[in-house]
N, C-alpha and C. Protein backbone atom coordinates (compact mmCIF):
# COMPACT_ATOMS: atom_id res chain seq x y z
N UNK A 1 -7.45 1.38 -6.74
CA UNK A 1 -7.62 2.72 -6.23
C UNK A 1 -6.93 3.75 -7.12
N UNK A 2 -5.88 3.33 -7.78
CA UNK A 2 -5.15 4.31 -8.59
C UNK A 2 -6.00 4.84 -9.72
N UNK A 3 -6.90 4.04 -10.27
CA UNK A 3 -7.77 4.55 -11.34
C UNK A 3 -8.73 5.60 -10.80
N UNK A 4 -9.24 5.36 -9.60
CA UNK A 4 -10.18 6.30 -8.98
C UNK A 4 -9.50 7.64 -8.73
N UNK A 5 -8.26 7.60 -8.25
CA UNK A 5 -7.52 8.83 -7.95
C UNK A 5 -7.08 9.51 -9.24
N UNK A 6 -6.70 8.72 -10.23
CA UNK A 6 -6.21 9.28 -11.49
C UNK A 6 -7.28 10.13 -12.17
N UNK A 7 -8.52 9.70 -12.11
CA UNK A 7 -9.59 10.44 -12.79
C UNK A 7 -10.27 11.46 -11.87
N UNK A 8 -9.67 11.75 -10.73
CA UNK A 8 -10.32 12.67 -9.79
C UNK A 8 -10.52 14.07 -10.36
N UNK A 9 -9.65 14.47 -11.26
CA UNK A 9 -9.80 15.80 -11.86
C UNK A 9 -10.93 15.85 -12.88
N UNK A 10 -11.34 14.69 -13.37
CA UNK A 10 -12.40 14.63 -14.38
C UNK A 10 -13.79 14.86 -13.79
N UNK A 11 -13.97 14.50 -12.55
CA UNK A 11 -15.27 14.69 -11.93
C UNK A 11 -15.82 13.42 -11.32
N UNK A 12 -16.94 13.57 -10.65
CA UNK A 12 -17.53 12.46 -9.90
C UNK A 12 -18.03 11.34 -10.82
N UNK A 13 -18.56 11.70 -11.96
CA UNK A 13 -19.08 10.68 -12.88
C UNK A 13 -18.00 9.72 -13.34
N UNK A 14 -16.86 10.27 -13.71
CA UNK A 14 -15.75 9.43 -14.15
C UNK A 14 -15.16 8.62 -13.00
N UNK A 15 -15.17 9.21 -11.79
CA UNK A 15 -14.68 8.47 -10.63
C UNK A 15 -15.58 7.27 -10.34
N UNK A 16 -16.88 7.45 -10.42
CA UNK A 16 -17.79 6.34 -10.18
C UNK A 16 -17.64 5.26 -11.23
N UNK A 17 -17.43 5.67 -12.47
CA UNK A 17 -17.19 4.70 -13.53
C UNK A 17 -15.91 3.91 -13.27
N UNK A 18 -14.88 4.59 -12.83
CA UNK A 18 -13.62 3.91 -12.52
C UNK A 18 -13.79 2.98 -11.33
N UNK A 19 -14.63 3.35 -10.37
CA UNK A 19 -14.83 2.52 -9.18
C UNK A 19 -15.60 1.25 -9.48
N UNK A 20 -16.34 1.22 -10.58
CA UNK A 20 -17.11 0.03 -10.91
C UNK A 20 -16.27 -1.03 -11.60
N UNK A 21 -15.06 -0.71 -11.96
CA UNK A 21 -14.21 -1.71 -12.58
C UNK A 21 -13.87 -2.78 -11.55
N UNK A 22 -13.65 -3.98 -11.99
CA UNK A 22 -13.49 -5.12 -11.09
C UNK A 22 -12.31 -4.99 -10.15
N UNK A 23 -11.33 -4.20 -10.48
CA UNK A 23 -10.15 -4.09 -9.63
C UNK A 23 -10.45 -3.39 -8.31
N UNK A 24 -11.32 -2.42 -8.33
CA UNK A 24 -11.61 -1.65 -7.12
C UNK A 24 -12.30 -2.51 -6.06
N UNK A 25 -13.39 -3.21 -6.39
CA UNK A 25 -14.00 -4.06 -5.35
C UNK A 25 -13.04 -5.14 -4.85
N UNK A 26 -12.25 -5.71 -5.74
CA UNK A 26 -11.30 -6.74 -5.32
C UNK A 26 -10.24 -6.15 -4.41
N UNK A 27 -9.77 -4.96 -4.71
CA UNK A 27 -8.76 -4.30 -3.87
C UNK A 27 -9.33 -3.96 -2.49
N UNK A 28 -10.56 -3.53 -2.44
CA UNK A 28 -11.21 -3.24 -1.16
C UNK A 28 -11.36 -4.52 -0.35
N UNK A 29 -11.72 -5.62 -1.02
CA UNK A 29 -11.81 -6.91 -0.34
C UNK A 29 -10.47 -7.31 0.25
N UNK A 30 -9.40 -7.17 -0.52
CA UNK A 30 -8.07 -7.52 -0.02
C UNK A 30 -7.67 -6.65 1.18
N UNK A 31 -7.98 -5.37 1.13
CA UNK A 31 -7.67 -4.49 2.25
C UNK A 31 -8.44 -4.91 3.51
N UNK A 32 -9.69 -5.31 3.34
CA UNK A 32 -10.50 -5.76 4.48
C UNK A 32 -9.93 -7.04 5.08
N UNK A 33 -9.48 -7.96 4.23
CA UNK A 33 -8.89 -9.20 4.72
C UNK A 33 -7.61 -8.92 5.48
N UNK A 34 -6.78 -8.04 4.95
CA UNK A 34 -5.54 -7.68 5.64
C UNK A 34 -5.83 -6.99 6.97
N UNK A 35 -6.79 -6.09 6.98
CA UNK A 35 -7.13 -5.39 8.23
C UNK A 35 -7.63 -6.38 9.27
N UNK A 36 -8.44 -7.35 8.85
CA UNK A 36 -8.92 -8.37 9.77
C UNK A 36 -7.76 -9.21 10.32
N UNK A 37 -6.83 -9.57 9.46
CA UNK A 37 -5.67 -10.37 9.89
C UNK A 37 -4.82 -9.59 10.88
N UNK A 38 -4.59 -8.32 10.61
CA UNK A 38 -3.79 -7.50 11.53
C UNK A 38 -4.51 -7.35 12.88
N UNK A 39 -5.81 -7.14 12.85
CA UNK A 39 -6.57 -7.00 14.08
C UNK A 39 -6.52 -8.29 14.90
N UNK A 40 -6.67 -9.41 14.23
CA UNK A 40 -6.60 -10.69 14.94
C UNK A 40 -5.20 -10.95 15.49
N UNK A 41 -4.17 -10.53 14.79
CA UNK A 41 -2.80 -10.71 15.27
C UNK A 41 -2.55 -9.84 16.50
N UNK A 42 -3.05 -8.62 16.48
CA UNK A 42 -2.84 -7.71 17.60
C UNK A 42 -3.61 -8.19 18.83
N UNK A 43 -4.83 -8.68 18.62
CA UNK A 43 -5.65 -9.13 19.75
C UNK A 43 -5.43 -10.61 20.07
N UNK A 44 -4.53 -11.25 19.34
CA UNK A 44 -4.17 -12.66 19.54
C UNK A 44 -5.36 -13.60 19.45
N UNK A 45 -6.25 -13.32 18.52
CA UNK A 45 -7.39 -14.22 18.28
C UNK A 45 -6.97 -15.22 17.21
N UNK A 46 -7.50 -16.43 17.32
CA UNK A 46 -7.19 -17.44 16.32
C UNK A 46 -8.40 -17.66 15.43
N UNK A 47 -8.12 -17.89 14.17
CA UNK A 47 -9.17 -18.16 13.20
C UNK A 47 -9.55 -19.62 13.28
N UNK A 48 -10.81 -19.91 13.40
CA UNK A 48 -11.30 -21.29 13.42
C UNK A 48 -11.83 -21.62 12.05
N UNK A 49 -11.33 -22.69 11.49
CA UNK A 49 -11.77 -23.11 10.16
C UNK A 49 -12.97 -23.99 10.25
């Protein structure tokens, strides 16, 4: 995310280019996994493997 924010002054084109780098999708995936884990912890759901 830091690359996306860093180039925010450059414009939308540069932001989209920065968002296509592999770190952004991976970081979004990690945030989704953490959010799911927190939600399951709060609602006391167990993950079935």
